[in-house]
Amino acid sequence: MVDARALLEDEVRAGKALQLATLGPDGAPVVCNLWFASSFEPDRLYFISRPGRAHCENLRRDPRVAGAVLAIDLDDPGSTAARGVQFIGRAVELPTTGIDAEIEVYAGRWPATANAIDPGRMERGEAHHRVYRIEVTDWVLYDEENFGKDPRQPVPVYGNGAGGPG
């Protein structure tokens, strides 16, 4: 039997960018594309951005977010081997100090960003970017290859107050 959780983690790790939906001031959804990094158990996604961007202002007002990660090459809309991941969660801008582990997750995946989120520069107020964390509350794996008759597979969240292994 195919392990939907393992497929989901592989898909998220392979994804390069995520599409993130935040709620604008009028409650309408606003979507942006972001480079991201992930960690599991607990299930979290990280991104960096400038605090003045619309999606950052939106999540400070309302932390509810939703999004998608797509890691496959798309070349034919008729392809039946589509796979992707959707999520719902809560996002927060992290403080500029005491987040070395979170910085390591992000900069470990994207080494070219290390200077933008260097802990010393952030502490001194010299960094223009901040680190943001999404605590995932719901996952859905969409996988036509392994779950052809029912490709939409809800997957349990680990950590973040949710279930998980033992």
N, C-alpha and C. Protein backbone atom coordinates (compact mmCIF):
# COMPACT_ATOMS: atom_id res chain seq x y z
N MET A 1 0.84 -1.19 0.00
CA MET A 1 0.00 0.00 0.00
C MET A 1 0.89 1.25 0.00
N VAL A 2 0.49 2.25 -0.74
CA VAL A 2 1.23 3.50 -0.86
C VAL A 2 1.02 4.34 0.39
N ASP A 3 2.10 4.92 0.91
CA ASP A 3 2.06 5.75 2.11
C ASP A 3 1.87 7.21 1.70
N ALA A 4 0.64 7.72 1.86
CA ALA A 4 0.33 9.09 1.46
C ALA A 4 1.18 10.11 2.22
N ARG A 5 1.45 9.86 3.48
CA ARG A 5 2.26 10.79 4.27
C ARG A 5 3.68 10.89 3.69
N ALA A 6 4.29 9.77 3.36
CA ALA A 6 5.64 9.79 2.79
C ALA A 6 5.65 10.50 1.44
N LEU A 7 4.62 10.25 0.61
CA LEU A 7 4.53 10.94 -0.67
C LEU A 7 4.39 12.44 -0.48
N LEU A 8 3.57 12.84 0.49
CA LEU A 8 3.39 14.26 0.77
C LEU A 8 4.71 14.91 1.18
N GLU A 9 5.42 14.30 2.11
CA GLU A 9 6.70 14.87 2.55
C GLU A 9 7.69 14.95 1.40
N ASP A 10 7.75 13.93 0.56
CA ASP A 10 8.64 13.97 -0.60
C ASP A 10 8.26 15.10 -1.54
N GLU A 11 6.98 15.27 -1.77
CA GLU A 11 6.50 16.33 -2.67
C GLU A 11 6.84 17.71 -2.12
N VAL A 12 6.62 17.90 -0.84
CA VAL A 12 6.93 19.20 -0.23
C VAL A 12 8.44 19.47 -0.30
N ARG A 13 9.24 18.48 0.02
CA ARG A 13 10.69 18.66 -0.04
C ARG A 13 11.18 18.96 -1.46
N ALA A 14 10.52 18.38 -2.46
CA ALA A 14 10.93 18.59 -3.85
C ALA A 14 10.45 19.93 -4.40
N GLY A 15 9.40 20.49 -3.81
CA GLY A 15 8.85 21.75 -4.29
C GLY A 15 9.84 22.90 -4.11
N LYS A 16 9.85 23.80 -5.06
CA LYS A 16 10.75 24.95 -5.00
C LYS A 16 10.04 26.19 -4.47
N ALA A 17 8.79 26.37 -4.85
CA ALA A 17 8.04 27.55 -4.45
C ALA A 17 6.67 27.12 -3.96
N LEU A 18 6.10 27.97 -3.14
CA LEU A 18 4.73 27.72 -2.71
C LEU A 18 3.88 28.91 -3.11
N GLN A 19 2.63 28.63 -3.34
CA GLN A 19 1.64 29.67 -3.56
C GLN A 19 0.94 29.86 -2.24
N LEU A 20 0.97 31.08 -1.74
CA LEU A 20 0.41 31.37 -0.42
C LEU A 20 -0.75 32.33 -0.57
N ALA A 21 -1.89 31.97 0.01
CA ALA A 21 -3.05 32.84 0.04
C ALA A 21 -3.20 33.41 1.44
N THR A 22 -3.26 34.74 1.52
CA THR A 22 -3.55 35.44 2.76
C THR A 22 -4.88 36.16 2.57
N LEU A 23 -5.38 36.76 3.65
CA LEU A 23 -6.64 37.49 3.57
C LEU A 23 -6.35 38.98 3.62
N GLY A 24 -6.79 39.70 2.58
CA GLY A 24 -6.57 41.14 2.51
C GLY A 24 -7.45 41.89 3.51
N PRO A 25 -7.28 43.21 3.58
CA PRO A 25 -8.03 44.02 4.55
C PRO A 25 -9.55 43.88 4.40
N ASP A 26 -10.02 43.62 3.18
CA ASP A 26 -11.45 43.48 2.95
C ASP A 26 -11.92 42.03 3.06
N GLY A 27 -11.00 41.13 3.44
CA GLY A 27 -11.34 39.72 3.58
C GLY A 27 -11.18 38.91 2.31
N ALA A 28 -10.83 39.57 1.21
CA ALA A 28 -10.64 38.84 -0.05
C ALA A 28 -9.29 38.13 -0.04
N PRO A 29 -9.22 36.94 -0.65
CA PRO A 29 -7.94 36.23 -0.71
C PRO A 29 -6.96 36.94 -1.64
N VAL A 30 -5.68 36.90 -1.24
CA VAL A 30 -4.60 37.46 -2.02
C VAL A 30 -3.53 36.38 -2.13
N VAL A 31 -3.06 36.09 -3.34
CA VAL A 31 -2.11 35.00 -3.56
C VAL A 31 -0.75 35.57 -3.97
N CYS A 32 0.31 34.97 -3.42
CA CYS A 32 1.67 35.32 -3.84
C CYS A 32 2.48 34.03 -3.97
N ASN A 33 3.62 34.11 -4.63
CA ASN A 33 4.52 32.97 -4.80
C ASN A 33 5.78 33.24 -4.00
N LEU A 34 6.24 32.25 -3.27
CA LEU A 34 7.38 32.41 -2.38
C LEU A 34 8.29 31.18 -2.44
N TRP A 35 9.60 31.41 -2.33
CA TRP A 35 10.55 30.33 -2.06
C TRP A 35 10.28 29.88 -0.64
N PHE A 36 10.47 28.61 -0.35
CA PHE A 36 10.17 28.13 1.01
C PHE A 36 11.09 26.99 1.39
N ALA A 37 11.05 26.68 2.67
CA ALA A 37 11.71 25.51 3.23
C ALA A 37 10.71 24.83 4.15
N SER A 38 10.97 23.58 4.50
CA SER A 38 10.01 22.83 5.31
C SER A 38 10.71 22.07 6.41
N SER A 39 9.93 21.74 7.43
CA SER A 39 10.36 20.80 8.46
C SER A 39 9.12 20.01 8.87
N PHE A 40 9.35 18.83 9.39
CA PHE A 40 8.24 17.95 9.73
C PHE A 40 8.38 17.48 11.18
N GLU A 41 7.23 17.20 11.78
CA GLU A 41 7.14 16.73 13.16
C GLU A 41 7.76 17.71 14.15
N PRO A 42 7.26 18.93 14.25
CA PRO A 42 5.97 19.40 13.74
C PRO A 42 6.06 19.87 12.29
N ASP A 43 4.89 19.88 11.65
CA ASP A 43 4.81 20.26 10.24
C ASP A 43 4.81 21.77 10.11
N ARG A 44 5.89 22.27 9.52
CA ARG A 44 6.05 23.72 9.38
C ARG A 44 6.65 24.05 8.03
N LEU A 45 6.26 25.20 7.52
CA LEU A 45 6.84 25.76 6.31
C LEU A 45 7.42 27.11 6.69
N TYR A 46 8.53 27.48 6.07
CA TYR A 46 9.20 28.76 6.35
C TYR A 46 9.39 29.51 5.05
N PHE A 47 9.28 30.83 5.13
CA PHE A 47 9.64 31.68 4.00
C PHE A 47 10.24 32.96 4.55
N ILE A 48 10.93 33.68 3.68
CA ILE A 48 11.45 34.98 4.07
C ILE A 48 10.81 36.01 3.16
N SER A 49 10.63 37.20 3.70
CA SER A 49 10.04 38.27 2.91
C SER A 49 10.29 39.59 3.62
N ARG A 50 10.05 40.66 2.91
CA ARG A 50 10.14 42.00 3.51
C ARG A 50 8.83 42.28 4.25
N PRO A 51 8.90 42.78 5.46
CA PRO A 51 7.68 42.96 6.27
C PRO A 51 6.62 43.86 5.66
N GLY A 52 7.01 44.74 4.74
CA GLY A 52 6.04 45.65 4.14
C GLY A 52 5.26 45.08 2.98
N ARG A 53 5.59 43.88 2.55
CA ARG A 53 4.86 43.27 1.44
C ARG A 53 3.42 42.97 1.87
N ALA A 54 2.51 43.00 0.91
CA ALA A 54 1.08 42.83 1.21
C ALA A 54 0.80 41.54 1.96
N HIS A 55 1.43 40.43 1.55
CA HIS A 55 1.14 39.17 2.23
C HIS A 55 1.60 39.20 3.69
N CYS A 56 2.69 39.92 3.98
CA CYS A 56 3.17 40.02 5.36
C CYS A 56 2.25 40.90 6.20
N GLU A 57 1.81 42.01 5.63
CA GLU A 57 0.85 42.86 6.34
C GLU A 57 -0.45 42.10 6.58
N ASN A 58 -0.89 41.34 5.59
CA ASN A 58 -2.13 40.56 5.74
C ASN A 58 -2.02 39.54 6.85
N LEU A 59 -0.92 38.80 6.93
CA LEU A 59 -0.85 37.75 7.95
C LEU A 59 -0.65 38.32 9.35
N ARG A 60 -0.10 39.54 9.45
CA ARG A 60 -0.04 40.16 10.78
C ARG A 60 -1.45 40.52 11.28
N ARG A 61 -2.32 40.87 10.35
CA ARG A 61 -3.70 41.21 10.70
C ARG A 61 -4.54 39.96 10.93
N ASP A 62 -4.31 38.93 10.11
CA ASP A 62 -5.08 37.69 10.20
C ASP A 62 -4.13 36.55 9.81
N PRO A 63 -3.74 35.71 10.76
CA PRO A 63 -2.72 34.70 10.48
C PRO A 63 -3.19 33.50 9.66
N ARG A 64 -4.46 33.43 9.33
CA ARG A 64 -4.96 32.29 8.56
C ARG A 64 -4.44 32.35 7.13
N VAL A 65 -3.89 31.22 6.69
CA VAL A 65 -3.35 31.12 5.34
C VAL A 65 -3.73 29.78 4.73
N ALA A 66 -3.62 29.72 3.43
CA ALA A 66 -3.77 28.46 2.69
C ALA A 66 -2.78 28.53 1.54
N GLY A 67 -2.45 27.38 1.00
CA GLY A 67 -1.50 27.41 -0.09
C GLY A 67 -1.35 26.08 -0.78
N ALA A 68 -0.40 26.07 -1.72
CA ALA A 68 -0.14 24.88 -2.51
C ALA A 68 1.33 24.80 -2.85
N VAL A 69 1.81 23.57 -2.95
CA VAL A 69 3.18 23.27 -3.37
C VAL A 69 3.05 22.33 -4.56
N LEU A 70 3.74 22.66 -5.64
CA LEU A 70 3.73 21.82 -6.83
C LEU A 70 5.16 21.55 -7.23
N ALA A 71 5.54 20.28 -7.29
CA ALA A 71 6.93 19.94 -7.54
C ALA A 71 7.16 19.25 -8.88
N ILE A 72 6.11 19.04 -9.66
CA ILE A 72 6.29 18.34 -10.94
C ILE A 72 6.45 19.35 -12.07
N ASP A 73 7.09 18.91 -13.15
CA ASP A 73 7.17 19.72 -14.35
C ASP A 73 5.84 19.60 -15.08
N LEU A 74 5.30 20.73 -15.45
CA LEU A 74 4.03 20.72 -16.17
C LEU A 74 4.29 21.00 -17.64
N ASP A 75 3.82 20.09 -18.49
CA ASP A 75 4.00 20.32 -19.92
C ASP A 75 2.77 19.93 -20.73
N ASP A 76 1.80 19.27 -20.11
CA ASP A 76 0.62 18.83 -20.83
C ASP A 76 -0.59 18.83 -19.88
N PRO A 77 -1.57 19.72 -20.11
CA PRO A 77 -2.73 19.75 -19.22
C PRO A 77 -3.53 18.45 -19.20
N GLY A 78 -3.33 17.58 -20.18
CA GLY A 78 -4.04 16.31 -20.22
C GLY A 78 -3.32 15.21 -19.47
N SER A 79 -2.17 15.51 -18.89
CA SER A 79 -1.41 14.50 -18.18
C SER A 79 -2.20 13.96 -17.00
N THR A 80 -2.13 12.66 -16.79
CA THR A 80 -2.85 12.06 -15.66
C THR A 80 -1.92 11.75 -14.49
N ALA A 81 -0.69 12.20 -14.57
CA ALA A 81 0.26 11.93 -13.49
C ALA A 81 0.43 13.15 -12.59
N ALA A 82 -0.63 13.93 -12.43
CA ALA A 82 -0.55 15.14 -11.63
C ALA A 82 -0.42 14.81 -10.15
N ARG A 83 0.42 15.58 -9.47
CA ARG A 83 0.58 15.44 -8.02
C ARG A 83 0.85 16.83 -7.46
N GLY A 84 0.27 17.11 -6.33
CA GLY A 84 0.49 18.39 -5.67
C GLY A 84 0.05 18.30 -4.23
N VAL A 85 0.38 19.34 -3.48
CA VAL A 85 0.05 19.39 -2.06
C VAL A 85 -0.63 20.73 -1.77
N GLN A 86 -1.72 20.66 -1.04
CA GLN A 86 -2.37 21.85 -0.53
C GLN A 86 -2.29 21.84 0.98
N PHE A 87 -2.35 23.03 1.58
CA PHE A 87 -2.31 23.11 3.03
C PHE A 87 -3.14 24.29 3.53
N ILE A 88 -3.50 24.20 4.79
CA ILE A 88 -4.11 25.30 5.54
C ILE A 88 -3.27 25.46 6.79
N GLY A 89 -3.13 26.68 7.26
CA GLY A 89 -2.34 26.88 8.47
C GLY A 89 -2.46 28.28 9.02
N ARG A 90 -1.56 28.55 9.95
CA ARG A 90 -1.47 29.86 10.58
C ARG A 90 -0.03 30.33 10.44
N ALA A 91 0.13 31.57 9.99
CA ALA A 91 1.46 32.11 9.74
C ALA A 91 1.79 33.22 10.73
N VAL A 92 3.08 33.32 11.02
CA VAL A 92 3.53 34.33 11.96
C VAL A 92 4.91 34.84 11.54
N GLU A 93 5.13 36.13 11.73
CA GLU A 93 6.46 36.70 11.53
C GLU A 93 7.26 36.40 12.79
N LEU A 94 8.42 35.80 12.62
CA LEU A 94 9.25 35.43 13.76
C LEU A 94 10.05 36.64 14.25
N PRO A 95 10.46 36.64 15.51
CA PRO A 95 11.29 37.74 16.01
C PRO A 95 12.64 37.74 15.30
N THR A 96 13.39 38.79 15.49
CA THR A 96 14.69 38.90 14.81
C THR A 96 15.81 38.23 15.60
N THR A 97 15.54 37.76 16.79
CA THR A 97 16.55 37.05 17.59
C THR A 97 15.96 35.73 18.11
N GLY A 98 16.85 34.81 18.45
CA GLY A 98 16.42 33.54 19.03
C GLY A 98 15.79 32.59 18.02
N ILE A 99 16.10 32.77 16.75
CA ILE A 99 15.50 31.90 15.73
C ILE A 99 16.57 31.20 14.89
N ASP A 100 17.68 30.89 15.51
CA ASP A 100 18.78 30.26 14.78
C ASP A 100 18.35 28.96 14.11
N ALA A 101 17.53 28.15 14.77
CA ALA A 101 17.10 26.87 14.19
C ALA A 101 16.26 27.11 12.94
N GLU A 102 15.37 28.09 12.98
CA GLU A 102 14.52 28.40 11.84
C GLU A 102 15.35 28.95 10.68
N ILE A 103 16.32 29.81 11.01
CA ILE A 103 17.22 30.35 9.98
C ILE A 103 18.00 29.21 9.34
N GLU A 104 18.45 28.27 10.14
CA GLU A 104 19.21 27.13 9.63
C GLU A 104 18.38 26.30 8.65
N VAL A 105 17.09 26.10 8.96
CA VAL A 105 16.21 25.35 8.05
C VAL A 105 16.13 26.06 6.70
N TYR A 106 15.88 27.36 6.73
CA TYR A 106 15.70 28.09 5.48
C TYR A 106 17.01 28.25 4.73
N ALA A 107 18.03 28.78 5.39
CA ALA A 107 19.31 29.01 4.73
C ALA A 107 19.99 27.70 4.35
N GLY A 108 19.67 26.61 5.07
CA GLY A 108 20.20 25.30 4.70
C GLY A 108 19.67 24.84 3.36
N ARG A 109 18.45 25.22 3.05
CA ARG A 109 17.88 24.86 1.75
C ARG A 109 18.27 25.86 0.68
N TRP A 110 18.37 27.12 1.04
CA TRP A 110 18.68 28.18 0.10
C TRP A 110 19.90 28.96 0.58
N PRO A 111 21.11 28.40 0.45
CA PRO A 111 22.33 29.03 0.98
C PRO A 111 22.55 30.47 0.49
N ALA A 112 22.10 30.79 -0.70
CA ALA A 112 22.30 32.15 -1.22
C ALA A 112 21.56 33.20 -0.42
N THR A 113 20.62 32.77 0.43
CA THR A 113 19.85 33.73 1.23
C THR A 113 20.47 33.99 2.60
N ALA A 114 21.55 33.32 2.92
CA ALA A 114 22.12 33.39 4.27
C ALA A 114 22.40 34.82 4.72
N ASN A 115 22.91 35.66 3.85
CA ASN A 115 23.21 37.03 4.24
C ASN A 115 21.93 37.82 4.53
N ALA A 116 20.87 37.54 3.78
CA ALA A 116 19.61 38.27 3.96
C ALA A 116 18.99 38.02 5.33
N ILE A 117 19.26 36.84 5.91
CA ILE A 117 18.67 36.51 7.21
C ILE A 117 19.76 36.14 8.22
N ASP A 118 20.95 36.71 8.05
CA ASP A 118 22.04 36.48 8.98
C ASP A 118 21.61 36.92 10.38
N PRO A 119 21.76 36.05 11.40
CA PRO A 119 21.29 36.40 12.75
C PRO A 119 21.88 37.72 13.28
N GLY A 120 23.15 37.96 13.05
CA GLY A 120 23.76 39.20 13.53
C GLY A 120 23.16 40.42 12.86
N ARG A 121 22.99 40.37 11.55
CA ARG A 121 22.40 41.48 10.81
C ARG A 121 20.96 41.71 11.23
N MET A 122 20.23 40.61 11.48
CA MET A 122 18.84 40.77 11.91
C MET A 122 18.78 41.43 13.28
N GLU A 123 19.63 40.98 14.20
CA GLU A 123 19.64 41.55 15.55
C GLU A 123 19.98 43.04 15.54
N ARG A 124 20.89 43.43 14.64
CA ARG A 124 21.29 44.85 14.54
C ARG A 124 20.32 45.68 13.71
N GLY A 125 19.28 45.07 13.16
CA GLY A 125 18.32 45.80 12.35
C GLY A 125 18.82 46.11 10.95
N GLU A 126 19.84 45.39 10.49
CA GLU A 126 20.43 45.65 9.17
C GLU A 126 19.82 44.79 8.07
N ALA A 127 19.05 43.79 8.42
CA ALA A 127 18.47 42.89 7.43
C ALA A 127 17.09 43.41 7.01
N HIS A 128 16.84 43.39 5.71
CA HIS A 128 15.56 43.88 5.19
C HIS A 128 14.48 42.80 5.24
N HIS A 129 14.90 41.54 5.36
CA HIS A 129 13.96 40.43 5.36
C HIS A 129 13.69 39.94 6.78
N ARG A 130 12.57 39.27 6.93
CA ARG A 130 12.22 38.59 8.16
C ARG A 130 11.90 37.14 7.80
N VAL A 131 11.94 36.30 8.82
CA VAL A 131 11.60 34.88 8.65
C VAL A 131 10.17 34.69 9.14
N TYR A 132 9.41 33.94 8.36
CA TYR A 132 8.01 33.65 8.68
C TYR A 132 7.82 32.15 8.78
N ARG A 133 6.95 31.75 9.71
CA ARG A 133 6.67 30.33 9.92
C ARG A 133 5.18 30.08 9.71
N ILE A 134 4.89 29.03 8.97
CA ILE A 134 3.51 28.57 8.82
C ILE A 134 3.39 27.27 9.59
N GLU A 135 2.51 27.25 10.56
CA GLU A 135 2.19 26.01 11.27
C GLU A 135 1.02 25.37 10.54
N VAL A 136 1.30 24.28 9.87
CA VAL A 136 0.29 23.62 9.05
C VAL A 136 -0.74 22.94 9.95
N THR A 137 -2.02 23.18 9.65
CA THR A 137 -3.10 22.54 10.41
C THR A 137 -3.82 21.47 9.60
N ASP A 138 -3.71 21.55 8.27
CA ASP A 138 -4.36 20.57 7.38
C ASP A 138 -3.50 20.38 6.14
N TRP A 139 -3.35 19.13 5.72
CA TRP A 139 -2.66 18.79 4.48
C TRP A 139 -3.62 18.03 3.58
N VAL A 140 -3.48 18.22 2.28
CA VAL A 140 -4.14 17.37 1.29
C VAL A 140 -3.11 17.06 0.21
N LEU A 141 -2.93 15.78 -0.04
CA LEU A 141 -2.11 15.31 -1.15
C LEU A 141 -3.05 15.02 -2.30
N TYR A 142 -2.75 15.59 -3.46
CA TYR A 142 -3.50 15.27 -4.67
C TYR A 142 -2.56 14.47 -5.56
N ASP A 143 -2.90 13.20 -5.80
CA ASP A 143 -1.97 12.32 -6.51
C ASP A 143 -2.77 11.38 -7.42
N GLU A 144 -2.79 11.71 -8.71
CA GLU A 144 -3.52 10.88 -9.67
C GLU A 144 -2.79 9.59 -10.00
N GLU A 145 -1.48 9.58 -9.84
CA GLU A 145 -0.70 8.39 -10.18
C GLU A 145 -0.93 7.25 -9.18
N ASN A 146 -0.88 7.55 -7.90
CA ASN A 146 -1.01 6.51 -6.87
C ASN A 146 -2.42 6.33 -6.33
N PHE A 147 -3.28 7.33 -6.52
CA PHE A 147 -4.64 7.26 -5.98
C PHE A 147 -5.63 7.66 -7.08
N GLY A 148 -5.52 7.00 -8.23
CA GLY A 148 -6.28 7.36 -9.41
C GLY A 148 -7.77 7.52 -9.22
N LYS A 149 -8.41 6.63 -8.48
CA LYS A 149 -9.86 6.71 -8.31
C LYS A 149 -10.26 7.75 -7.28
N ASP A 150 -9.37 8.07 -6.38
CA ASP A 150 -9.65 9.07 -5.35
C ASP A 150 -8.36 9.87 -5.10
N PRO A 151 -7.97 10.73 -6.04
CA PRO A 151 -6.66 11.39 -5.93
C PRO A 151 -6.53 12.37 -4.77
N ARG A 152 -7.63 12.85 -4.23
CA ARG A 152 -7.57 13.80 -3.12
C ARG A 152 -7.46 13.04 -1.81
N GLN A 153 -6.28 13.10 -1.19
CA GLN A 153 -5.99 12.33 0.02
C GLN A 153 -5.67 13.25 1.20
N PRO A 154 -6.61 13.47 2.13
CA PRO A 154 -6.26 14.21 3.35
C PRO A 154 -5.16 13.43 4.09
N VAL A 155 -4.17 14.14 4.59
CA VAL A 155 -3.03 13.51 5.27
C VAL A 155 -2.93 14.12 6.67
N PRO A 156 -2.77 13.29 7.71
CA PRO A 156 -2.67 13.81 9.07
C PRO A 156 -1.48 14.77 9.24
N VAL A 157 -1.70 15.77 10.07
CA VAL A 157 -0.65 16.73 10.42
C VAL A 157 0.07 16.20 11.64
N TYR A 158 1.41 16.32 11.66
CA TYR A 158 2.20 15.91 12.82
C TYR A 158 2.65 17.16 13.56
N GLY A 159 2.49 17.12 14.86
CA GLY A 159 2.90 18.26 15.68
C GLY A 159 1.85 19.34 15.61
N ASN A 160 2.23 20.56 16.02
CA ASN A 160 1.32 21.72 15.99
C ASN A 160 0.02 21.42 16.71
N GLY A 161 0.06 20.58 17.74
CA GLY A 161 -1.13 20.24 18.49
C GLY A 161 -1.98 19.18 17.81
N ALA A 162 -1.50 18.61 16.73
CA ALA A 162 -2.27 17.61 15.98
C ALA A 162 -1.71 16.22 16.26
N GLY A 163 -2.25 15.26 15.54
CA GLY A 163 -1.82 13.88 15.71
C GLY A 163 -0.44 13.65 15.14
N GLY A 164 -0.05 12.44 15.09
CA GLY A 164 1.25 12.11 14.54
C GLY A 164 1.68 10.74 15.01
N PRO A 165 2.87 10.37 14.69
CA PRO A 165 3.30 9.05 15.10
C PRO A 165 3.52 8.98 16.61
N GLY A 166 3.00 7.94 17.21
CA GLY A 166 3.18 7.62 18.61
C GLY A 166 3.54 8.71 19.47
